[in-house]
PDB file of N, CA and C in Angstrom:
ATOM      1  N   UNK A   1      88.795  99.794 107.764  1.00  0.00           N
ATOM      2  CA  UNK A   1      89.806 100.675 108.310  1.00  0.00           C
ATOM      3  C   UNK A   1      89.248 101.480 109.478  1.00  0.00           C
ATOM      4  N   UNK A   2      87.954 101.771 109.414  1.00  0.00           N
ATOM      5  CA  UNK A   2      87.374 102.577 110.491  1.00  0.00           C
ATOM      6  C   UNK A   2      87.384 101.845 111.820  1.00  0.00           C
ATOM      7  N   UNK A   3      87.555 100.533 111.811  1.00  0.00           N
ATOM      8  CA  UNK A   3      87.562  99.762 113.043  1.00  0.00           C
ATOM      9  C   UNK A   3      88.942  99.661 113.677  1.00  0.00           C
ATOM     10  N   UNK A   4      89.952 100.121 112.989  1.00  0.00           N
ATOM     11  CA  UNK A   4      91.312 100.016 113.514  1.00  0.00           C
ATOM     12  C   UNK A   4      91.707 101.257 114.288  1.00  0.00           C
ATOM     13  N   UNK A   5      92.434 101.044 115.341  1.00  0.00           N
ATOM     14  CA  UNK A   5      92.978 102.145 116.121  1.00  0.00           C
ATOM     15  C   UNK A   5      94.043 102.849 115.292  1.00  0.00           C
ATOM     16  N   UNK A   6      94.142 104.159 115.413  1.00  0.00           N
ATOM     17  CA  UNK A   6      95.221 104.856 114.709  1.00  0.00           C
ATOM     18  C   UNK A   6      96.598 104.467 115.249  1.00  0.00           C
ATOM     19  N   UNK A   7      96.608 103.795 116.406  1.00  0.00           N
ATOM     20  CA  UNK A   7      97.864 103.370 117.019  1.00  0.00           C
ATOM     21  C   UNK A   7      98.253 101.942 116.653  1.00  0.00           C
ATOM     22  N   UNK A   8      97.526 101.319 115.715  1.00  0.00           N
ATOM     23  CA  UNK A   8      97.821  99.937 115.353  1.00  0.00           C
ATOM     24  C   UNK A   8      99.287  99.829 114.933  1.00  0.00           C
ATOM     25  N   UNK A   9      99.922  98.751 115.388  1.00  0.00           N
ATOM     26  CA  UNK A   9     101.336  98.576 115.107  1.00  0.00           C
ATOM     27  C   UNK A   9     101.583  97.152 114.653  1.00  0.00           C
ATOM     28  N   UNK A  10     102.117  96.908 113.478  1.00  0.00           N
ATOM     29  CA  UNK A  10     102.577  97.907 112.521  1.00  0.00           C
ATOM     30  C   UNK A  10     101.393  98.568 111.815  1.00  0.00           C
ATOM     31  N   UNK A  11     101.586  99.792 111.316  1.00  0.00           N
ATOM     32  CA  UNK A  11     100.498 100.490 110.619  1.00  0.00           C
ATOM     33  C   UNK A  11     100.111  99.770 109.327  1.00  0.00           C
ATOM     34  N   UNK A  12      98.872  99.939 108.922  1.00  0.00           N
ATOM     35  CA  UNK A  12      98.380  99.318 107.688  1.00  0.00           C
ATOM     36  C   UNK A  12      98.873 100.153 106.502  1.00  0.00           C
ATOM     37  N   UNK A  13      99.567  99.533 105.552  1.00  0.00           N
ATOM     38  CA  UNK A  13     100.032 100.291 104.381  1.00  0.00           C
ATOM     39  C   UNK A  13      98.851 100.843 103.581  1.00  0.00           C
ATOM     40  N   UNK A  14      98.976 102.021 103.036  1.00  0.00           N
ATOM     41  CA  UNK A  14      97.910 102.688 102.291  1.00  0.00           C
ATOM     42  C   UNK A  14      97.353 101.814 101.172  1.00  0.00           C
ATOM     43  N   UNK A  15      98.208 101.063 100.521  1.00  0.00           N
ATOM     44  CA  UNK A  15      97.767 100.315  99.346  1.00  0.00           C
ATOM     45  C   UNK A  15      96.897  99.106  99.691  1.00  0.00           C
ATOM     46  N   UNK A  16      96.824  98.732 100.967  1.00  0.00           N
ATOM     47  CA  UNK A  16      95.959  97.622 101.366  1.00  0.00           C
ATOM     48  C   UNK A  16      94.523  98.067 101.632  1.00  0.00           C
ATOM     49  N   UNK A  17      94.263  99.349 101.574  1.00  0.00           N
ATOM     50  CA  UNK A  17      92.911  99.866 101.801  1.00  0.00           C
ATOM     51  C   UNK A  17      92.180  99.877 100.465  1.00  0.00           C
ATOM     52  N   UNK A  18      91.148  99.043 100.381  1.00  0.00           N
ATOM     53  CA  UNK A  18      90.406  98.840  99.131  1.00  0.00           C
ATOM     54  C   UNK A  18      88.930  99.050  99.422  1.00  0.00           C
ATOM     55  N   UNK A  19      88.186  99.566  98.459  1.00  0.00           N
ATOM     56  CA  UNK A  19      86.751  99.788  98.617  1.00  0.00           C
ATOM     57  C   UNK A  19      86.009  98.505  98.971  1.00  0.00           C
ATOM     58  N   UNK A  20      84.851  98.654  99.616  1.00  0.00           N
ATOM     59  CA  UNK A  20      84.066  97.511 100.084  1.00  0.00           C
ATOM     60  C   UNK A  20      83.653  96.560  98.967  1.00  0.00           C
ATOM     61  N   UNK A  21      83.578  97.052  97.748  1.00  0.00           N
ATOM     62  CA  UNK A  21      83.202  96.190  96.619  1.00  0.00           C
ATOM     63  C   UNK A  21      84.387  95.405  96.076  1.00  0.00           C
ATOM     64  N   UNK A  22      85.590  95.707  96.568  1.00  0.00           N
ATOM     65  CA  UNK A  22      86.798  95.049  96.070  1.00  0.00           C
ATOM     66  C   UNK A  22      87.465  95.827  94.956  1.00  0.00           C
ATOM     67  N   UNK A  23      86.869  96.959  94.566  1.00  0.00           N
ATOM     68  CA  UNK A  23      87.439  97.758  93.479  1.00  0.00           C
ATOM     69  C   UNK A  23      88.513  98.697  94.014  1.00  0.00           C
ATOM     70  N   UNK A  24      89.580  98.827  93.253  1.00  0.00           N
ATOM     71  CA  UNK A  24      90.616  99.808  93.560  1.00  0.00           C
ATOM     72  C   UNK A  24      90.127 101.136  93.000  1.00  0.00           C
ATOM     73  N   UNK A  25      90.044 102.134  93.855  1.00  0.00           N
ATOM     74  CA  UNK A  25      89.489 103.434  93.461  1.00  0.00           C
ATOM     75  C   UNK A  25      90.420 104.173  92.510  1.00  0.00           C
ATOM     76  N   UNK A  26      89.815 104.759  91.505  1.00  0.00           N
ATOM     77  CA  UNK A  26      90.559 105.613  90.593  1.00  0.00           C
ATOM     78  C   UNK A  26      90.956 106.881  91.337  1.00  0.00           C
ATOM     79  N   UNK A  27      92.093 107.407  91.039  1.00  0.00           N
ATOM     80  CA  UNK A  27      92.546 108.646  91.672  1.00  0.00           C
ATOM     81  C   UNK A  27      92.289 109.846  90.760  1.00  0.00           C
ATOM     82  N   UNK A  28      91.543 109.620  89.680  1.00  0.00           N
ATOM     83  CA  UNK A  28      91.227 110.708  88.752  1.00  0.00           C
ATOM     84  C   UNK A  28      92.038 110.595  87.475  1.00  0.00           C
ATOM     85  N   UNK A  29      91.584 111.285  86.444  1.00  0.00           N
ATOM     86  CA  UNK A  29      92.274 111.222  85.156  1.00  0.00           C
ATOM     87  C   UNK A  29      93.703 111.740  85.254  1.00  0.00           C
ATOM     88  N   UNK A  30      94.601 111.073  84.572  1.00  0.00           N
ATOM     89  CA  UNK A  30      95.988 111.518  84.512  1.00  0.00           C
ATOM     90  C   UNK A  30      96.830 111.145  85.717  1.00  0.00           C
ATOM     91  N   UNK A  31      96.268 110.367  86.649  1.00  0.00           N
ATOM     92  CA  UNK A  31      97.050 109.957  87.818  1.00  0.00           C
ATOM     93  C   UNK A  31      97.379 108.472  87.704  1.00  0.00           C
ATOM     94  N   UNK A  32      98.373 108.055  88.423  1.00  0.00           N
ATOM     95  CA  UNK A  32      98.806 106.654  88.394  1.00  0.00           C
ATOM     96  C   UNK A  32      98.583 105.956  89.741  1.00  0.00           C
ATOM     97  N   UNK A  33      97.806 106.570  90.650  1.00  0.00           N
ATOM     98  CA  UNK A  33      97.614 106.024  91.990  1.00  0.00           C
ATOM     99  C   UNK A  33      97.027 104.629  92.002  1.00  0.00           C
ATOM    100  N   UNK A  34      95.998 104.389  91.186  1.00  0.00           N
ATOM    101  CA  UNK A  34      95.373 103.067  91.154  1.00  0.00           C
ATOM    102  C   UNK A  34      96.350 102.024  90.625  1.00  0.00           C
ATOM    103  N   UNK A  35      97.129 102.384  89.631  1.00  0.00           N
ATOM    104  CA  UNK A  35      98.129 101.458  89.083  1.00  0.00           C
ATOM    105  C   UNK A  35      99.221 101.179  90.111  1.00  0.00           C
ATOM    106  N   UNK A  36      99.648 102.214  90.851  1.00  0.00           N
ATOM    107  CA  UNK A  36     100.657 102.017  91.900  1.00  0.00           C
ATOM    108  C   UNK A  36     100.108 101.093  92.991  1.00  0.00           C
ATOM    109  N   UNK A  37      98.825 101.257  93.334  1.00  0.00           N
ATOM    110  CA  UNK A  37      98.214 100.396  94.342  1.00  0.00           C
ATOM    111  C   UNK A  37      98.169  98.958  93.833  1.00  0.00           C
ATOM    112  N   UNK A  38      97.771  98.788  92.594  1.00  0.00           N
ATOM    113  CA  UNK A  38      97.742  97.453  91.991  1.00  0.00           C
ATOM    114  C   UNK A  38      99.128  96.814  92.022  1.00  0.00           C
ATOM    115  N   UNK A  39     100.134  97.560  91.612  1.00  0.00           N
ATOM    116  CA  UNK A  39     101.499  97.036  91.573  1.00  0.00           C
ATOM    117  C   UNK A  39     101.975  96.606  92.958  1.00  0.00           C
ATOM    118  N   UNK A  40     101.664  97.408  93.996  1.00  0.00           N
ATOM    119  CA  UNK A  40     102.073  97.073  95.358  1.00  0.00           C
ATOM    120  C   UNK A  40     101.365  95.815  95.852  1.00  0.00           C
ATOM    121  N   UNK A  41     100.078  95.681  95.535  1.00  0.00           N
ATOM    122  CA  UNK A  41      99.331  94.489  95.942  1.00  0.00           C
ATOM    123  C   UNK A  41      99.860  93.244  95.235  1.00  0.00           C
ATOM    124  N   UNK A  42     100.099  93.351  93.941  1.00  0.00           N
ATOM    125  CA  UNK A  42     100.630  92.222  93.167  1.00  0.00           C
ATOM    126  C   UNK A  42     101.994  91.810  93.711  1.00  0.00           C
ATOM    127  N   UNK A  43     102.819  92.779  94.111  1.00  0.00           N
ATOM    128  CA  UNK A  43     104.135  92.471  94.671  1.00  0.00           C
ATOM    129  C   UNK A  43     104.017  91.656  95.956  1.00  0.00           C
ATOM    130  N   UNK A  44     102.880  91.772  96.661  1.00  0.00           N
ATOM    131  CA  UNK A  44     102.644  90.993  97.882  1.00  0.00           C
ATOM    132  C   UNK A  44     101.936  89.670  97.591  1.00  0.00           C
ATOM    133  N   UNK A  45     101.671  89.400  96.318  1.00  0.00           N
ATOM    134  CA  UNK A  45     101.040  88.138  95.963  1.00  0.00           C
ATOM    135  C   UNK A  45      99.528  88.187  95.834  1.00  0.00           C
ATOM    136  N   UNK A  46      98.948  89.380  95.868  1.00  0.00           N
ATOM    137  CA  UNK A  46      97.498  89.527  95.730  1.00  0.00           C
ATOM    138  C   UNK A  46      97.154  89.596  94.250  1.00  0.00           C
ATOM    139  N   UNK A  47      96.198  88.785  93.841  1.00  0.00           N
ATOM    140  CA  UNK A  47      95.758  88.801  92.444  1.00  0.00           C
ATOM    141  C   UNK A  47      94.794  89.959  92.230  1.00  0.00           C
ATOM    142  N   UNK A  48      95.090  90.796  91.245  1.00  0.00           N
ATOM    143  CA  UNK A  48      94.229  91.919  90.889  1.00  0.00           C
ATOM    144  C   UNK A  48      93.736  91.663  89.469  1.00  0.00           C
ATOM    145  N   UNK A  49      92.414  91.646  89.307  1.00  0.00           N
ATOM    146  CA  UNK A  49      91.831  91.412  87.986  1.00  0.00           C
ATOM    147  C   UNK A  49      91.287  92.712  87.422  1.00  0.00           C
ATOM    148  N   UNK A  50      91.078  92.720  86.107  1.00  0.00           N
ATOM    149  CA  UNK A  50      90.505  93.887  85.446  1.00  0.00           C
ATOM    150  C   UNK A  50      89.113  93.498  84.970  1.00  0.00           C
ATOM    151  N   UNK A  51      88.114  94.292  85.405  1.00  0.00           N
ATOM    152  CA  UNK A  51      86.723  94.022  85.051  1.00  0.00           C
ATOM    153  C   UNK A  51      86.385  94.465  83.639  1.00  0.00           C
ATOM    154  N   UNK A  52      85.135  94.220  83.260  1.00  0.00           N
ATOM    155  CA  UNK A  52      84.674  94.562  81.903  1.00  0.00           C
ATOM    156  C   UNK A  52      84.798  96.044  81.588  1.00  0.00           C
ATOM    157  N   UNK A  53      84.633  96.887  82.598  1.00  0.00           N
ATOM    158  CA  UNK A  53      84.697  98.329  82.361  1.00  0.00           C
ATOM    159  C   UNK A  53      86.075  98.908  82.662  1.00  0.00           C
ATOM    160  N   UNK A  54      87.061  98.046  82.897  1.00  0.00           N
ATOM    161  CA  UNK A  54      88.431  98.485  83.113  1.00  0.00           C
ATOM    162  C   UNK A  54      88.815  98.703  84.562  1.00  0.00           C
ATOM    163  N   UNK A  55      87.864  98.515  85.496  1.00  0.00           N
ATOM    164  CA  UNK A  55      88.192  98.705  86.910  1.00  0.00           C
ATOM    165  C   UNK A  55      89.061  97.556  87.403  1.00  0.00           C
ATOM    166  N   UNK A  56      89.966  97.874  88.293  1.00  0.00           N
ATOM    167  CA  UNK A  56      90.826  96.854  88.892  1.00  0.00           C
ATOM    168  C   UNK A  56      90.168  96.381  90.180  1.00  0.00           C
ATOM    169  N   UNK A  57      90.141  95.053  90.383  1.00  0.00           N
ATOM    170  CA  UNK A  57      89.423  94.482  91.510  1.00  0.00           C
ATOM    171  C   UNK A  57      90.245  93.424  92.224  1.00  0.00           C
ATOM    172  N   UNK A  58      89.939  93.268  93.523  1.00  0.00           N
ATOM    173  CA  UNK A  58      90.512  92.214  94.354  1.00  0.00           C
ATOM    174  C   UNK A  58      89.349  91.353  94.833  1.00  0.00           C
ATOM    175  N   UNK A  59      89.497  90.047  94.730  1.00  0.00           N
ATOM    176  CA  UNK A  59      88.456  89.118  95.170  1.00  0.00           C
ATOM    177  C   UNK A  59      88.545  88.965  96.690  1.00  0.00           C
ATOM    178  N   UNK A  60      87.578  89.565  97.401  1.00  0.00           N
ATOM    179  CA  UNK A  60      87.599  89.507  98.861  1.00  0.00           C
ATOM    180  C   UNK A  60      87.347  88.101  99.390  1.00  0.00           C
ATOM    181  N   UNK A  61      86.737  87.229  98.606  1.00  0.00           N
ATOM    182  CA  UNK A  61      86.582  85.844  99.073  1.00  0.00           C
ATOM    183  C   UNK A  61      87.942  85.188  99.234  1.00  0.00           C
ATOM    184  N   UNK A  62      88.889  85.625  98.419  1.00  0.00           N
ATOM    185  CA  UNK A  62      90.250  85.088  98.466  1.00  0.00           C
ATOM    186  C   UNK A  62      91.177  85.910  99.360  1.00  0.00           C
ATOM    187  N   UNK A  63      91.089  87.236  99.273  1.00  0.00           N
ATOM    188  CA  UNK A  63      92.063  88.103  99.927  1.00  0.00           C
ATOM    189  C   UNK A  63      91.465  89.056 100.964  1.00  0.00           C
ATOM    190  N   UNK A  64      90.188  88.941 101.267  1.00  0.00           N
ATOM    191  CA  UNK A  64      89.553  89.855 102.212  1.00  0.00           C
ATOM    192  C   UNK A  64      89.973  89.582 103.650  1.00  0.00           C
ATOM    193  N   UNK A  65      89.804  90.584 104.471  1.00  0.00           N
ATOM    194  CA  UNK A  65      90.100  90.474 105.899  1.00  0.00           C
ATOM    195  C   UNK A  65      88.802  90.657 106.653  1.00  0.00           C
ATOM    196  N   UNK A  66      88.360  89.615 107.333  1.00  0.00           N
ATOM    197  CA  UNK A  66      87.109  89.638 108.071  1.00  0.00           C
ATOM    198  C   UNK A  66      87.391  89.167 109.491  1.00  0.00           C
ATOM    199  N   UNK A  67      87.784  90.089 110.371  1.00  0.00           N
ATOM    200  CA  UNK A  67      88.168  89.700 111.729  1.00  0.00           C
ATOM    201  C   UNK A  67      86.983  89.154 112.517  1.00  0.00           C
ATOM    202  N   UNK A  68      87.284  88.272 113.455  1.00  0.00           N
ATOM    203  CA  UNK A  68      86.261  87.719 114.336  1.00  0.00           C
ATOM    204  C   UNK A  68      85.699  88.831 115.221  1.00  0.00           C
ATOM    205  N   UNK A  69      84.425  88.730 115.538  1.00  0.00           N
ATOM    206  CA  UNK A  69      83.782  89.692 116.418  1.00  0.00           C
ATOM    207  C   UNK A  69      84.522  89.715 117.748  1.00  0.00           C
ATOM    208  N   UNK A  70      84.803  90.913 118.247  1.00  0.00           N
ATOM    209  CA  UNK A  70      85.463  91.075 119.531  1.00  0.00           C
ATOM    210  C   UNK A  70      86.973  91.060 119.487  1.00  0.00           C
ATOM    211  N   UNK A  71      87.562  90.897 118.293  1.00  0.00           N
ATOM    212  CA  UNK A  71      89.019  90.851 118.212  1.00  0.00           C
ATOM    213  C   UNK A  71      89.626  92.202 117.849  1.00  0.00           C
ATOM    214  N   UNK A  72      88.795  93.191 117.558  1.00  0.00           N
ATOM    215  CA  UNK A  72      89.277  94.516 117.184  1.00  0.00           C
ATOM    216  C   UNK A  72      88.800  95.517 118.217  1.00  0.00           C
ATOM    217  N   UNK A  73      89.730  96.209 118.872  1.00  0.00           N
ATOM    218  CA  UNK A  73      89.369  97.252 119.830  1.00  0.00           C
ATOM    219  C   UNK A  73      88.884  98.480 119.075  1.00  0.00           C
ATOM    220  N   UNK A  74      87.620  98.881 119.267  1.00  0.00           N
ATOM    221  CA  UNK A  74      87.071 100.016 118.515  1.00  0.00           C
ATOM    222  C   UNK A  74      86.723 101.192 119.409  1.00  0.00           C
ATOM    223  N   UNK A  75      87.199 101.196 120.620  1.00  0.00           N
ATOM    224  CA  UNK A  75      86.913 102.317 121.500  1.00  0.00           C
ATOM    225  C   UNK A  75      86.883 101.866 122.936  1.00  0.00           C
ATOM    226  N   UNK A  76      86.391 102.734 123.793  1.00  0.00           N
ATOM    227  CA  UNK A  76      86.334 102.427 125.210  1.00  0.00           C
ATOM    228  C   UNK A  76      85.539 101.160 125.464  1.00  0.00           C
ATOM    229  N   UNK A  77      86.086 100.295 126.267  1.00  0.00           N
ATOM    230  CA  UNK A  77      85.366  99.090 126.661  1.00  0.00           C
ATOM    231  C   UNK A  77      85.497  97.940 125.684  1.00  0.00           C
ATOM    232  N   UNK A  78      86.040  98.170 124.502  1.00  0.00           N
ATOM    233  CA  UNK A  78      86.187  97.090 123.536  1.00  0.00           C
ATOM    234  C   UNK A  78      87.356  96.208 123.952  1.00  0.00           C
ATOM    235  N   UNK A  79      87.223  94.926 123.722  1.00  0.00           N
ATOM    236  CA  UNK A  79      88.282  93.992 124.067  1.00  0.00           C
ATOM    237  C   UNK A  79      88.854  93.434 122.781  1.00  0.00           C
ATOM    238  N   UNK A  80      90.113  93.649 122.571  1.00  0.00           N
ATOM    239  CA  UNK A  80      90.784  93.125 121.389  1.00  0.00           C
ATOM    240  C   UNK A  80      91.759  92.046 121.790  1.00  0.00           C
ATOM    241  N   UNK A  81      92.385  91.444 120.816  1.00  0.00           N
ATOM    242  CA  UNK A  81      93.369  90.415 121.079  1.00  0.00           C
ATOM    243  C   UNK A  81      94.467  90.976 121.966  1.00  0.00           C
ATOM    244  N   UNK A  82      94.807  90.240 123.027  1.00  0.00           N
ATOM    245  CA  UNK A  82      95.882  90.650 123.898  1.00  0.00           C
ATOM    246  C   UNK A  82      95.464  91.633 124.970  1.00  0.00           C
ATOM    247  N   UNK A  83      94.210  92.074 124.973  1.00  0.00           N
ATOM    248  CA  UNK A  83      93.743  92.988 125.995  1.00  0.00           C
ATOM    249  C   UNK A  83      93.040  92.206 127.096  1.00  0.00           C
ATOM    250  N   UNK A  84      92.958  92.795 128.257  1.00  0.00           N
ATOM    251  CA  UNK A  84      92.325  92.129 129.401  1.00  0.00           C
ATOM    252  C   UNK A  84      90.824  92.006 129.173  1.00  0.00           C
ATOM    253  N   UNK A  85      90.256  90.891 129.597  1.00  0.00           N
ATOM    254  CA  UNK A  85      88.818  90.670 129.491  1.00  0.00           C
ATOM    255  C   UNK A  85      88.115  91.432 130.603  1.00  0.00           C
ATOM    256  N   UNK A  86      86.830  91.736 130.372  1.00  0.00           N
ATOM    257  CA  UNK A  86      86.053  92.420 131.395  1.00  0.00           C
ATOM    258  C   UNK A  86      85.720  91.451 132.523  1.00  0.00           C
ATOM    259  N   UNK A  87      85.249  91.995 133.647  1.00  0.00           N
ATOM    260  CA  UNK A  87      84.883  91.152 134.789  1.00  0.00           C
ATOM    261  C   UNK A  87      83.787  90.173 134.410  1.00  0.00           C
ATOM    262  N   UNK A  88      82.809  90.598 133.602  1.00  0.00           N
ATOM    263  CA  UNK A  88      81.720  89.708 133.180  1.00  0.00           C
ATOM    264  C   UNK A  88      82.264  88.522 132.401  1.00  0.00           C
ATOM    265  N   UNK A  89      83.214  88.786 131.495  1.00  0.00           N
ATOM    266  CA  UNK A  89      83.783  87.715 130.691  1.00  0.00           C
ATOM    267  C   UNK A  89      84.567  86.748 131.571  1.00  0.00           C
ATOM    268  N   UNK A  90      85.324  87.292 132.543  1.00  0.00           N
ATOM    269  CA  UNK A  90      86.086  86.444 133.439  1.00  0.00           C
ATOM    270  C   UNK A  90      85.145  85.577 134.275  1.00  0.00           C
ATOM    271  N   UNK A  91      84.026  86.160 134.704  1.00  0.00           N
ATOM    272  CA  UNK A  91      83.049  85.415 135.499  1.00  0.00           C
ATOM    273  C   UNK A  91      82.436  84.289 134.675  1.00  0.00           C
ATOM    274  N   UNK A  92      82.126  84.587 133.381  1.00  0.00           N
ATOM    275  CA  UNK A  92      81.575  83.561 132.502  1.00  0.00           C
ATOM    276  C   UNK A  92      82.541  82.400 132.326  1.00  0.00           C
ATOM    277  N   UNK A  93      83.831  82.714 132.221  1.00  0.00           N
ATOM    278  CA  UNK A  93      84.835  81.665 132.030  1.00  0.00           C
ATOM    279  C   UNK A  93      84.943  80.781 133.259  1.00  0.00           C
ATOM    280  N   UNK A  94      84.733  81.360 134.458  1.00  0.00           N
ATOM    281  CA  UNK A  94      84.835  80.584 135.697  1.00  0.00           C
ATOM    282  C   UNK A  94      83.671  79.620 135.850  1.00  0.00           C
ATOM    283  N   UNK A  95      82.518  79.949 135.273  1.00  0.00           N
ATOM    284  CA  UNK A  95      81.312  79.093 135.441  1.00  0.00           C
ATOM    285  C   UNK A  95      81.210  78.043 134.398  1.00  0.00           C
TER     286      UNK A  95
END
């Protein structure tokens, strides 16, 4: 998520943000946030499993998002999909 512009359109739904280990984070005792996140993911066809200790997990090998290098604009000078290439890149393409 840190690599996405806050202006990304359409915005990324909150429930698609999952910890790097694939675990859905608990929202604390007495809350239903993790269950709501699980339900929203399942509604989109994502399989959520329950681990030995009760944690809910998503298999990133199946459902992870791993963008190609250079396809995400992360700040000044970054080139993302649909953005203009730099002069160096254009020169490389000509040769």
